[in-house]
Amino acid sequence: MTLHQLEYIIAIDRHRNFAKAAAELGITQPTLSSLLQKLENELDVRIFERSNKHVRPTAIGQKILLQAAKTVTEADRIAELVAEEKGMVAGTLDLSVGPTVAPYILPRFIKTYTRMFPDVRLSIAEMKAEAMLDAVHTGRLDAGIASGGRSHDGILEIPLYTEPFWVYIAESCWRKLPVFRPENLEHEQMWVMKESQCLRDSAFSFCKARGVGRRIYEAGSIGTLVRIVDENGGFTIIPEMHLPLLTDRQRENVRRIEGGYRSQRRVSIYIREDFVRERLLNSIAETLVSIVPKNFFDERILKYGIRL
């Protein structure tokens, strides 16, 4: 069994089509079929079920493909580790950014990272937390950036920065309030973002403190929440990096949260516990430091970067 054979079956699985897989690999379809047959004979198992209509892995084939992906990934990283030891930041970076963080960092992150680290082949996917953690754990991703406080066996969380929340209040509320205090809004509607635990937790911490028994409405994005408040009244909470996306008129409806209420979220990077590419991690941190307000960062990140 060779690495090339593992790369071949990964390509077949990716395309579920021999002609497309062969084209990607730069070989003929009969050659690819012959190489697969040779590997199956060597292992004495059938990796793929194939017919005129479909190609799909068998039950044992799925297990083999999972291990093959890990093996090829680790083999590819040997050259990257050597480059890193020589002080170079090169190779591939397969990264995921969570949907509640992506709108605020991705546009500038892509532009800045590719300029600062041109020798890295950057690939970014937007994934929800559980899918991201699973992809990091299985080696399909090098790292993921998402709100903090998530746990997964074999995954290490490294806090990057902490972002404050602000309150966005409908104009009809704001005109009556010089500052925002949760107890002042007992009869108002609060709107929270669906599937954003960091936002939900922060919202509920002061919602419960003021003892409101009204319904909690859910929306799919911060932008939607702001528009709902504009049309329906009430209030929501928004991360500070959303403020530049508001109109001048909308910014007049933003207030800090007064009092001792939790009003922030931690943004972290998630990696496998056995991850060793420290320079690559620091390339991510350095890029974020250049585009995210520096006062958000822990002093240790600013001074020392990430240490594994």
C-alpha atoms as a PDB file:
ATOM      1  CA  MET A   1       0.000   0.000   0.000  1.00  0.00           C
ATOM      2  CA  THR A   2       1.358   3.435  -0.959  1.00  0.00           C
ATOM      3  CA  LEU A   3       0.385   7.050  -0.344  1.00  0.00           C
ATOM      4  CA  HIS A   4      -0.438   7.370  -4.028  1.00  0.00           C
ATOM      5  CA  GLN A   5      -2.970   4.542  -3.748  1.00  0.00           C
ATOM      6  CA  LEU A   6      -4.577   6.281  -0.787  1.00  0.00           C
ATOM      7  CA  GLU A   7      -4.727   9.540  -2.739  1.00  0.00           C
ATOM      8  CA  TYR A   8      -6.411   7.666  -5.596  1.00  0.00           C
ATOM      9  CA  ILE A   9      -9.215   6.237  -3.467  1.00  0.00           C
ATOM     10  CA  ILE A  10      -9.747   9.626  -1.796  1.00  0.00           C
ATOM     11  CA  ALA A  11     -10.189  11.183  -5.248  1.00  0.00           C
ATOM     12  CA  ILE A  12     -12.638   8.469  -6.252  1.00  0.00           C
ATOM     13  CA  ASP A  13     -14.654   9.073  -3.103  1.00  0.00           C
ATOM     14  CA  ARG A  14     -14.590  12.840  -3.608  1.00  0.00           C
ATOM     15  CA  HIS A  15     -15.991  12.645  -7.138  1.00  0.00           C
ATOM     16  CA  ARG A  16     -17.891   9.341  -6.917  1.00  0.00           C
ATOM     17  CA  ASN A  17     -16.984   9.106 -10.580  1.00  0.00           C
ATOM     18  CA  PHE A  18     -13.960   7.337 -12.105  1.00  0.00           C
ATOM     19  CA  ALA A  19     -13.604   9.619 -15.121  1.00  0.00           C
ATOM     20  CA  LYS A  20     -13.581  12.802 -13.010  1.00  0.00           C
ATOM     21  CA  ALA A  21     -11.241  11.300 -10.425  1.00  0.00           C
ATOM     22  CA  ALA A  22      -8.840  10.123 -13.155  1.00  0.00           C
ATOM     23  CA  ALA A  23      -8.868  13.584 -14.760  1.00  0.00           C
ATOM     24  CA  GLU A  24      -7.996  15.197 -11.424  1.00  0.00           C
ATOM     25  CA  LEU A  25      -5.150  12.723 -10.864  1.00  0.00           C
ATOM     26  CA  GLY A  26      -3.796  13.060 -14.392  1.00  0.00           C
ATOM     27  CA  ILE A  27      -4.141   9.388 -15.277  1.00  0.00           C
ATOM     28  CA  THR A  28      -6.466   7.393 -17.499  1.00  0.00           C
ATOM     29  CA  GLN A  29      -9.680   5.860 -16.218  1.00  0.00           C
ATOM     30  CA  PRO A  30      -8.550   2.268 -16.974  1.00  0.00           C
ATOM     31  CA  THR A  31      -5.331   2.915 -15.042  1.00  0.00           C
ATOM     32  CA  LEU A  32      -7.297   4.220 -12.049  1.00  0.00           C
ATOM     33  CA  SER A  33      -9.624   1.218 -12.138  1.00  0.00           C
ATOM     34  CA  SER A  34      -6.646  -1.124 -12.302  1.00  0.00           C
ATOM     35  CA  LEU A  35      -4.915   0.591  -9.359  1.00  0.00           C
ATOM     36  CA  LEU A  36      -8.079   0.367  -7.270  1.00  0.00           C
ATOM     37  CA  GLN A  37      -8.460  -3.319  -8.100  1.00  0.00           C
ATOM     38  CA  LYS A  38      -4.840  -3.920  -7.097  1.00  0.00           C
ATOM     39  CA  LEU A  39      -5.364  -2.228  -3.721  1.00  0.00           C
ATOM     40  CA  GLU A  40      -8.590  -4.144  -3.081  1.00  0.00           C
ATOM     41  CA  ASN A  41      -6.826  -7.409  -3.901  1.00  0.00           C
ATOM     42  CA  GLU A  42      -3.976  -6.491  -1.561  1.00  0.00           C
ATOM     43  CA  LEU A  43      -6.362  -5.707   1.312  1.00  0.00           C
ATOM     44  CA  ASP A  44      -8.756  -8.519   0.370  1.00  0.00           C
ATOM     45  CA  VAL A  45     -11.783  -6.206   0.744  1.00  0.00           C
ATOM     46  CA  ARG A  46     -14.009  -4.269  -1.594  1.00  0.00           C
ATOM     47  CA  ILE A  47     -13.586  -0.522  -0.993  1.00  0.00           C
ATOM     48  CA  PHE A  48     -16.222   0.721  -3.461  1.00  0.00           C
ATOM     49  CA  GLU A  49     -19.465  -0.628  -4.796  1.00  0.00           C
ATOM     50  CA  ARG A  50     -19.636   0.379  -8.437  1.00  0.00           C
ATOM     51  CA  SER A  51     -22.179   0.047 -11.178  1.00  0.00           C
ATOM     52  CA  ASN A  52     -23.129   1.965 -14.312  1.00  0.00           C
ATOM     53  CA  LYS A  53     -25.146   4.377 -12.152  1.00  0.00           C
ATOM     54  CA  HIS A  54     -23.072   4.978  -9.071  1.00  0.00           C
ATOM     55  CA  VAL A  55     -19.796   4.608  -7.194  1.00  0.00           C
ATOM     56  CA  ARG A  56     -19.987   4.564  -3.422  1.00  0.00           C
ATOM     57  CA  PRO A  57     -17.881   3.188  -0.583  1.00  0.00           C
ATOM     58  CA  THR A  58     -18.741  -0.017   1.183  1.00  0.00           C
ATOM     59  CA  ALA A  59     -19.049  -0.087   4.966  1.00  0.00           C
ATOM     60  CA  ILE A  60     -15.413  -1.128   5.360  1.00  0.00           C
ATOM     61  CA  GLY A  61     -14.506   1.245   2.548  1.00  0.00           C
ATOM     62  CA  GLN A  62     -15.812   4.190   4.563  1.00  0.00           C
ATOM     63  CA  LYS A  63     -13.508   3.248   7.444  1.00  0.00           C
ATOM     64  CA  ILE A  64     -10.557   2.836   5.098  1.00  0.00           C
ATOM     65  CA  LEU A  65     -11.231   6.214   3.476  1.00  0.00           C
ATOM     66  CA  LEU A  66     -11.384   7.948   6.842  1.00  0.00           C
ATOM     67  CA  GLN A  67      -8.009   6.512   7.818  1.00  0.00           C
ATOM     68  CA  ALA A  68      -6.602   7.215   4.357  1.00  0.00           C
ATOM     69  CA  ALA A  69      -7.531  10.896   4.664  1.00  0.00           C
ATOM     70  CA  LYS A  70      -5.763  11.110   8.026  1.00  0.00           C
ATOM     71  CA  THR A  71      -2.680   9.335   6.675  1.00  0.00           C
ATOM     72  CA  VAL A  72      -2.352  11.510   3.570  1.00  0.00           C
ATOM     73  CA  THR A  73      -2.915  14.657   5.605  1.00  0.00           C
ATOM     74  CA  GLU A  74      -0.216  13.735   8.096  1.00  0.00           C
ATOM     75  CA  ALA A  75       2.189  12.780   5.323  1.00  0.00           C
ATOM     76  CA  ASP A  76       1.628  16.126   3.586  1.00  0.00           C
ATOM     77  CA  ARG A  77       2.415  17.923   6.810  1.00  0.00           C
ATOM     78  CA  ILE A  78       5.909  16.438   7.094  1.00  0.00           C
ATOM     79  CA  ALA A  79       7.188  18.827   4.427  1.00  0.00           C
ATOM     80  CA  GLU A  80       5.261  21.643   6.076  1.00  0.00           C
ATOM     81  CA  LEU A  81       6.836  20.877   9.450  1.00  0.00           C
ATOM     82  CA  VAL A  82      10.290  20.976   7.883  1.00  0.00           C
ATOM     83  CA  ALA A  83       9.493  24.346   6.314  1.00  0.00           C
ATOM     84  CA  GLU A  84       8.182  25.612   9.638  1.00  0.00           C
ATOM     85  CA  GLU A  85      11.359  24.475  11.409  1.00  0.00           C
ATOM     86  CA  LYS A  86      13.320  26.545   8.905  1.00  0.00           C
ATOM     87  CA  GLY A  87      11.265  29.594   9.853  1.00  0.00           C
ATOM     88  CA  MET A  88       8.978  29.502   6.825  1.00  0.00           C
ATOM     89  CA  VAL A  89       5.186  29.737   6.871  1.00  0.00           C
ATOM     90  CA  ALA A  90       4.121  27.668   3.892  1.00  0.00           C
ATOM     91  CA  GLY A  91       2.005  24.725   2.840  1.00  0.00           C
ATOM     92  CA  THR A  92      -1.752  24.493   3.178  1.00  0.00           C
ATOM     93  CA  LEU A  93      -4.178  25.965   5.692  1.00  0.00           C
ATOM     94  CA  ASP A  94      -7.672  24.508   5.742  1.00  0.00           C
ATOM     95  CA  LEU A  95      -9.651  26.779   8.040  1.00  0.00           C
ATOM     96  CA  SER A  96     -13.269  27.133   9.132  1.00  0.00           C
ATOM     97  CA  VAL A  97     -14.920  30.253  10.544  1.00  0.00           C
ATOM     98  CA  GLY A  98     -18.265  30.074  12.342  1.00  0.00           C
ATOM     99  CA  PRO A  99     -21.240  31.960  10.831  1.00  0.00           C
ATOM    100  CA  THR A 100     -21.626  34.291  13.842  1.00  0.00           C
ATOM    101  CA  VAL A 101     -18.007  35.436  13.488  1.00  0.00           C
ATOM    102  CA  ALA A 102     -17.413  35.226   9.715  1.00  0.00           C
ATOM    103  CA  PRO A 103     -19.210  38.442   8.621  1.00  0.00           C
ATOM    104  CA  TYR A 104     -16.956  40.547  10.803  1.00  0.00           C
ATOM    105  CA  ILE A 105     -13.539  39.094  10.028  1.00  0.00           C
ATOM    106  CA  LEU A 106     -13.557  37.073   6.796  1.00  0.00           C
ATOM    107  CA  PRO A 107     -13.526  39.828   4.129  1.00  0.00           C
ATOM    108  CA  ARG A 108     -10.460  41.546   5.627  1.00  0.00           C
ATOM    109  CA  PHE A 109      -8.919  38.285   6.863  1.00  0.00           C
ATOM    110  CA  ILE A 110      -8.712  36.805   3.359  1.00  0.00           C
ATOM    111  CA  LYS A 111      -7.205  39.971   1.897  1.00  0.00           C
ATOM    112  CA  THR A 112      -4.718  40.455   4.736  1.00  0.00           C
ATOM    113  CA  TYR A 113      -3.682  36.818   5.162  1.00  0.00           C
ATOM    114  CA  THR A 114      -2.966  36.213   1.477  1.00  0.00           C
ATOM    115  CA  ARG A 115      -0.850  39.385   1.421  1.00  0.00           C
ATOM    116  CA  MET A 116       1.079  38.578   4.616  1.00  0.00           C
ATOM    117  CA  PHE A 117       1.585  34.863   3.915  1.00  0.00           C
ATOM    118  CA  PRO A 118       1.672  34.370   0.129  1.00  0.00           C
ATOM    119  CA  ASP A 119       3.318  30.924   0.382  1.00  0.00           C
ATOM    120  CA  VAL A 120       0.329  29.428   2.204  1.00  0.00           C
ATOM    121  CA  ARG A 121      -2.460  27.889   0.182  1.00  0.00           C
ATOM    122  CA  LEU A 122      -5.484  29.160   2.083  1.00  0.00           C
ATOM    123  CA  SER A 123      -8.858  27.429   2.011  1.00  0.00           C
ATOM    124  CA  ILE A 124     -11.753  28.630   4.176  1.00  0.00           C
ATOM    125  CA  ALA A 125     -15.158  27.059   4.787  1.00  0.00           C
ATOM    126  CA  GLU A 126     -17.976  28.538   6.847  1.00  0.00           C
ATOM    127  CA  MET A 127     -19.320  25.836   9.175  1.00  0.00           C
ATOM    128  CA  LYS A 128     -21.504  25.612  12.230  1.00  0.00           C
ATOM    129  CA  ALA A 129     -19.720  24.655  15.429  1.00  0.00           C
ATOM    130  CA  GLU A 130     -20.413  20.921  15.599  1.00  0.00           C
ATOM    131  CA  ALA A 131     -19.510  20.306  11.960  1.00  0.00           C
ATOM    132  CA  MET A 132     -16.363  22.388  12.409  1.00  0.00           C
ATOM    133  CA  LEU A 133     -15.224  20.515  15.527  1.00  0.00           C
ATOM    134  CA  ASP A 134     -15.836  17.171  13.844  1.00  0.00           C
ATOM    135  CA  ALA A 135     -13.851  18.242  10.749  1.00  0.00           C
ATOM    136  CA  VAL A 136     -10.963  19.442  12.924  1.00  0.00           C
ATOM    137  CA  HIS A 137     -11.005  16.205  14.906  1.00  0.00           C
ATOM    138  CA  THR A 138     -10.892  14.013  11.800  1.00  0.00           C
ATOM    139  CA  GLY A 139      -8.155  16.102  10.166  1.00  0.00           C
ATOM    140  CA  ARG A 140     -10.265  17.514   7.346  1.00  0.00           C
ATOM    141  CA  LEU A 141      -9.572  20.982   8.781  1.00  0.00           C
ATOM    142  CA  ASP A 142      -6.409  22.355  10.333  1.00  0.00           C
ATOM    143  CA  ALA A 143      -8.255  24.776  12.598  1.00  0.00           C
ATOM    144  CA  GLY A 144     -11.577  26.472  13.242  1.00  0.00           C
ATOM    145  CA  ILE A 145     -12.483  29.923  14.558  1.00  0.00           C
ATOM    146  CA  ALA A 146     -15.744  30.258  16.490  1.00  0.00           C
ATOM    147  CA  SER A 147     -17.241  31.561  19.715  1.00  0.00           C
ATOM    148  CA  GLY A 148     -15.584  30.092  22.784  1.00  0.00           C
ATOM    149  CA  GLY A 149     -16.698  27.601  25.391  1.00  0.00           C
ATOM    150  CA  ARG A 150     -17.251  24.602  23.120  1.00  0.00           C
ATOM    151  CA  SER A 151     -15.956  21.179  24.087  1.00  0.00           C
ATOM    152  CA  HIS A 152     -15.084  18.139  22.003  1.00  0.00           C
ATOM    153  CA  ASP A 153     -12.895  15.120  22.759  1.00  0.00           C
ATOM    154  CA  GLY A 154      -9.421  15.550  21.317  1.00  0.00           C
ATOM    155  CA  ILE A 155      -9.904  19.267  20.561  1.00  0.00           C
ATOM    156  CA  LEU A 156      -7.967  22.114  22.153  1.00  0.00           C
ATOM    157  CA  GLU A 157      -9.511  25.598  22.486  1.00  0.00           C
ATOM    158  CA  ILE A 158      -7.166  28.601  22.413  1.00  0.00           C
ATOM    159  CA  PRO A 159      -8.893  31.916  23.295  1.00  0.00           C
ATOM    160  CA  LEU A 160      -8.021  34.668  20.825  1.00  0.00           C
ATOM    161  CA  TYR A 161     -10.024  37.751  21.759  1.00  0.00           C
ATOM    162  CA  THR A 162     -13.073  38.928  23.685  1.00  0.00           C
ATOM    163  CA  GLU A 163     -15.671  41.092  21.955  1.00  0.00           C
ATOM    164  CA  PRO A 164     -18.141  43.311  23.850  1.00  0.00           C
ATOM    165  CA  PHE A 165     -21.857  43.342  23.108  1.00  0.00           C
ATOM    166  CA  TRP A 166     -23.885  46.492  22.748  1.00  0.00           C
ATOM    167  CA  VAL A 167     -27.648  46.972  22.982  1.00  0.00           C
ATOM    168  CA  TYR A 168     -29.588  48.052  19.917  1.00  0.00           C
ATOM    169  CA  ILE A 169     -32.874  49.668  20.946  1.00  0.00           C
ATOM    170  CA  ALA A 170     -35.816  50.745  18.818  1.00  0.00           C
ATOM    171  CA  GLU A 171     -36.108  54.507  18.432  1.00  0.00           C
ATOM    172  CA  SER A 172     -39.349  54.551  20.411  1.00  0.00           C
ATOM    173  CA  CYS A 173     -37.452  53.055  23.370  1.00  0.00           C
ATOM    174  CA  TRP A 174     -34.241  54.992  23.005  1.00  0.00           C
ATOM    175  CA  ARG A 175     -35.867  58.411  23.099  1.00  0.00           C
ATOM    176  CA  LYS A 176     -37.039  57.684  26.631  1.00  0.00           C
ATOM    177  CA  LEU A 177     -33.742  56.294  27.954  1.00  0.00           C
ATOM    178  CA  PRO A 178     -30.462  58.206  28.357  1.00  0.00           C
ATOM    179  CA  VAL A 179     -28.674  54.922  29.200  1.00  0.00           C
ATOM    180  CA  PHE A 180     -29.600  51.267  28.883  1.00  0.00           C
ATOM    181  CA  ARG A 181     -30.442  49.306  31.985  1.00  0.00           C
ATOM    182  CA  PRO A 182     -32.265  45.982  31.608  1.00  0.00           C
ATOM    183  CA  GLU A 183     -34.727  46.741  34.416  1.00  0.00           C
ATOM    184  CA  ASN A 184     -35.973  49.758  32.441  1.00  0.00           C
ATOM    185  CA  LEU A 185     -37.341  47.528  29.666  1.00  0.00           C
ATOM    186  CA  GLU A 186     -39.679  45.213  31.535  1.00  0.00           C
ATOM    187  CA  HIS A 187     -42.427  45.505  28.936  1.00  0.00           C
ATOM    188  CA  GLU A 188     -40.329  45.439  25.793  1.00  0.00           C
ATOM    189  CA  GLN A 189     -39.648  42.542  23.449  1.00  0.00           C
ATOM    190  CA  MET A 190     -36.165  41.112  23.371  1.00  0.00           C
ATOM    191  CA  TRP A 191     -34.977  39.517  20.147  1.00  0.00           C
ATOM    192  CA  VAL A 192     -32.089  37.008  20.080  1.00  0.00           C
ATOM    193  CA  MET A 193     -30.190  35.258  17.325  1.00  0.00           C
ATOM    194  CA  LYS A 194     -30.986  31.639  16.560  1.00  0.00           C
ATOM    195  CA  GLU A 195     -28.185  29.085  17.091  1.00  0.00           C
ATOM    196  CA  SER A 196     -25.752  31.618  18.493  1.00  0.00           C
ATOM    197  CA  GLN A 197     -25.071  30.325  22.003  1.00  0.00           C
ATOM    198  CA  CYS A 198     -22.652  33.110  22.883  1.00  0.00           C
ATOM    199  CA  LEU A 199     -25.280  35.704  22.039  1.00  0.00           C
ATOM    200  CA  ARG A 200     -28.099  33.750  23.642  1.00  0.00           C
ATOM    201  CA  ASP A 201     -26.201  33.306  26.907  1.00  0.00           C
ATOM    202  CA  SER A 202     -25.296  36.952  27.096  1.00  0.00           C
ATOM    203  CA  ALA A 203     -28.855  38.015  26.371  1.00  0.00           C
ATOM    204  CA  PHE A 204     -30.412  35.660  28.885  1.00  0.00           C
ATOM    205  CA  SER A 205     -28.029  36.711  31.647  1.00  0.00           C
ATOM    206  CA  PHE A 206     -29.644  40.116  31.877  1.00  0.00           C
ATOM    207  CA  CYS A 207     -33.059  38.984  30.664  1.00  0.00           C
ATOM    208  CA  LYS A 208     -33.378  36.740  33.715  1.00  0.00           C
ATOM    209  CA  ALA A 209     -32.028  39.473  35.968  1.00  0.00           C
ATOM    210  CA  ARG A 210     -34.943  41.709  35.098  1.00  0.00           C
ATOM    211  CA  GLY A 211     -37.498  38.913  35.491  1.00  0.00           C
ATOM    212  CA  VAL A 212     -39.346  39.288  32.211  1.00  0.00           C
ATOM    213  CA  GLY A 213     -41.796  36.539  31.297  1.00  0.00           C
ATOM    214  CA  ARG A 214     -42.486  37.566  27.710  1.00  0.00           C
ATOM    215  CA  ARG A 215     -41.685  35.446  24.686  1.00  0.00           C
ATOM    216  CA  ILE A 216     -38.184  35.428  23.219  1.00  0.00           C
ATOM    217  CA  TYR A 217     -38.225  35.742  19.434  1.00  0.00           C
ATOM    218  CA  GLU A 218     -35.474  34.270  17.298  1.00  0.00           C
ATOM    219  CA  ALA A 219     -33.965  35.433  14.008  1.00  0.00           C
ATOM    220  CA  GLY A 220     -31.222  34.042  11.768  1.00  0.00           C
ATOM    221  CA  SER A 221     -28.697  36.883  11.676  1.00  0.00           C
ATOM    222  CA  ILE A 222     -27.670  40.076  13.447  1.00  0.00           C
ATOM    223  CA  GLY A 223     -28.744  42.146  10.447  1.00  0.00           C
ATOM    224  CA  THR A 224     -32.199  40.578  10.604  1.00  0.00           C
ATOM    225  CA  LEU A 225     -32.447  41.304  14.324  1.00  0.00           C
ATOM    226  CA  VAL A 226     -31.646  44.969  13.755  1.00  0.00           C
ATOM    227  CA  ARG A 227     -34.318  45.263  11.055  1.00  0.00           C
ATOM    228  CA  ILE A 228     -36.865  43.456  13.253  1.00  0.00           C
ATOM    229  CA  VAL A 229     -36.221  45.935  16.062  1.00  0.00           C
ATOM    230  CA  ASP A 230     -36.535  48.848  13.620  1.00  0.00           C
ATOM    231  CA  GLU A 231     -39.939  47.599  12.467  1.00  0.00           C
ATOM    232  CA  ASN A 232     -41.380  46.079  15.645  1.00  0.00           C
ATOM    233  CA  GLY A 233     -39.786  47.873  18.563  1.00  0.00           C
ATOM    234  CA  GLY A 234     -38.012  46.245  21.481  1.00  0.00           C
ATOM    235  CA  PHE A 235     -34.283  45.595  21.535  1.00  0.00           C
ATOM    236  CA  THR A 236     -31.504  43.136  20.793  1.00  0.00           C
ATOM    237  CA  ILE A 237     -27.795  42.823  21.510  1.00  0.00           C
ATOM    238  CA  ILE A 238     -25.115  43.034  18.829  1.00  0.00           C
ATOM    239  CA  PRO A 239     -21.345  42.408  18.828  1.00  0.00           C
ATOM    240  CA  GLU A 240     -19.213  45.526  18.672  1.00  0.00           C
ATOM    241  CA  MET A 241     -17.798  44.638  15.254  1.00  0.00           C
ATOM    242  CA  HIS A 242     -21.318  44.931  13.834  1.00  0.00           C
ATOM    243  CA  LEU A 243     -21.448  48.657  14.628  1.00  0.00           C
ATOM    244  CA  PRO A 244     -19.706  49.767  11.391  1.00  0.00           C
ATOM    245  CA  LEU A 245     -22.441  47.964   9.427  1.00  0.00           C
ATOM    246  CA  LEU A 246     -25.180  50.200  10.889  1.00  0.00           C
ATOM    247  CA  THR A 247     -26.404  53.372   9.229  1.00  0.00           C
ATOM    248  CA  ASP A 248     -25.730  56.711  10.897  1.00  0.00           C
ATOM    249  CA  ARG A 249     -29.339  56.826  12.082  1.00  0.00           C
ATOM    250  CA  GLN A 250     -29.192  53.291  13.461  1.00  0.00           C
ATOM    251  CA  ARG A 251     -26.029  54.063  15.417  1.00  0.00           C
ATOM    252  CA  GLU A 252     -27.998  56.600  17.418  1.00  0.00           C
ATOM    253  CA  ASN A 253     -29.976  53.671  18.819  1.00  0.00           C
ATOM    254  CA  VAL A 254     -26.934  51.844  20.208  1.00  0.00           C
ATOM    255  CA  ARG A 255     -26.077  51.906  23.904  1.00  0.00           C
ATOM    256  CA  ARG A 256     -23.586  50.155  26.157  1.00  0.00           C
ATOM    257  CA  ILE A 257     -25.000  47.804  28.754  1.00  0.00           C
ATOM    258  CA  GLU A 258     -24.875  49.524  32.133  1.00  0.00           C
ATOM    259  CA  GLY A 259     -24.434  47.550  35.340  1.00  0.00           C
ATOM    260  CA  GLY A 260     -22.762  44.272  36.194  1.00  0.00           C
ATOM    261  CA  TYR A 261     -24.212  42.151  33.397  1.00  0.00           C
ATOM    262  CA  ARG A 262     -22.219  39.793  31.211  1.00  0.00           C
ATOM    263  CA  SER A 263     -22.048  41.447  27.814  1.00  0.00           C
ATOM    264  CA  GLN A 264     -19.253  39.896  25.781  1.00  0.00           C
ATOM    265  CA  ARG A 265     -18.252  36.812  23.856  1.00  0.00           C
ATOM    266  CA  ARG A 266     -14.948  34.990  23.579  1.00  0.00           C
ATOM    267  CA  VAL A 267     -13.712  34.083  20.108  1.00  0.00           C
ATOM    268  CA  SER A 268     -11.337  31.118  20.028  1.00  0.00           C
ATOM    269  CA  ILE A 269      -9.346  28.983  17.660  1.00  0.00           C
ATOM    270  CA  TYR A 270      -9.906  25.215  17.831  1.00  0.00           C
ATOM    271  CA  ILE A 271      -7.243  22.665  16.885  1.00  0.00           C
ATOM    272  CA  ARG A 272      -6.538  18.997  17.491  1.00  0.00           C
ATOM    273  CA  GLU A 273      -4.676  18.286  20.709  1.00  0.00           C
ATOM    274  CA  ASP A 274      -1.779  16.822  18.708  1.00  0.00           C
ATOM    275  CA  PHE A 275      -1.466  19.818  16.368  1.00  0.00           C
ATOM    276  CA  VAL A 276       2.182  20.962  16.125  1.00  0.00           C
ATOM    277  CA  ARG A 277       2.306  23.688  13.449  1.00  0.00           C
ATOM    278  CA  GLU A 278       2.826  26.609  15.811  1.00  0.00           C
ATOM    279  CA  ARG A 279       3.964  29.070  13.145  1.00  0.00           C
ATOM    280  CA  LEU A 280       0.861  28.382  11.108  1.00  0.00           C
ATOM    281  CA  LEU A 281      -1.347  29.092  14.122  1.00  0.00           C
ATOM    282  CA  ASN A 282       0.503  32.317  14.723  1.00  0.00           C
ATOM    283  CA  SER A 283      -0.031  33.358  11.126  1.00  0.00           C
ATOM    284  CA  ILE A 284      -3.767  33.256  11.898  1.00  0.00           C
ATOM    285  CA  ALA A 285      -3.302  35.159  15.163  1.00  0.00           C
ATOM    286  CA  GLU A 286      -1.079  37.794  13.552  1.00  0.00           C
ATOM    287  CA  THR A 287      -3.640  38.390  10.825  1.00  0.00           C
ATOM    288  CA  LEU A 288      -6.470  38.762  13.333  1.00  0.00           C
ATOM    289  CA  VAL A 289      -4.421  41.176  15.448  1.00  0.00           C
ATOM    290  CA  SER A 290      -4.027  43.355  12.369  1.00  0.00           C
ATOM    291  CA  ILE A 291      -7.765  43.523  11.596  1.00  0.00           C
ATOM    292  CA  VAL A 292      -9.551  43.189  14.973  1.00  0.00           C
ATOM    293  CA  PRO A 293      -9.368  45.996  17.583  1.00  0.00           C
ATOM    294  CA  LYS A 294      -6.245  45.332  19.665  1.00  0.00           C
ATOM    295  CA  ASN A 295      -8.035  46.086  22.937  1.00  0.00           C
ATOM    296  CA  PHE A 296     -10.093  42.911  22.367  1.00  0.00           C
ATOM    297  CA  PHE A 297      -7.013  40.688  22.707  1.00  0.00           C
ATOM    298  CA  ASP A 298      -5.495  39.125  25.769  1.00  0.00           C
ATOM    299  CA  GLU A 299      -2.128  40.743  26.469  1.00  0.00           C
ATOM    300  CA  ARG A 300      -0.419  37.346  26.181  1.00  0.00           C
ATOM    301  CA  ILE A 301      -1.560  36.937  22.570  1.00  0.00           C
ATOM    302  CA  LEU A 302      -0.258  40.410  21.701  1.00  0.00           C
ATOM    303  CA  LYS A 303       3.087  39.839  23.411  1.00  0.00           C
ATOM    304  CA  TYR A 304       3.855  36.184  22.843  1.00  0.00           C
ATOM    305  CA  GLY A 305       1.415  34.875  20.255  1.00  0.00           C
ATOM    306  CA  ILE A 306       0.305  31.245  20.524  1.00  0.00           C
ATOM    307  CA  ARG A 307       2.570  28.725  22.232  1.00  0.00           C
ATOM    308  CA  LEU A 308       1.887  25.007  21.924  1.00  0.00           C
END
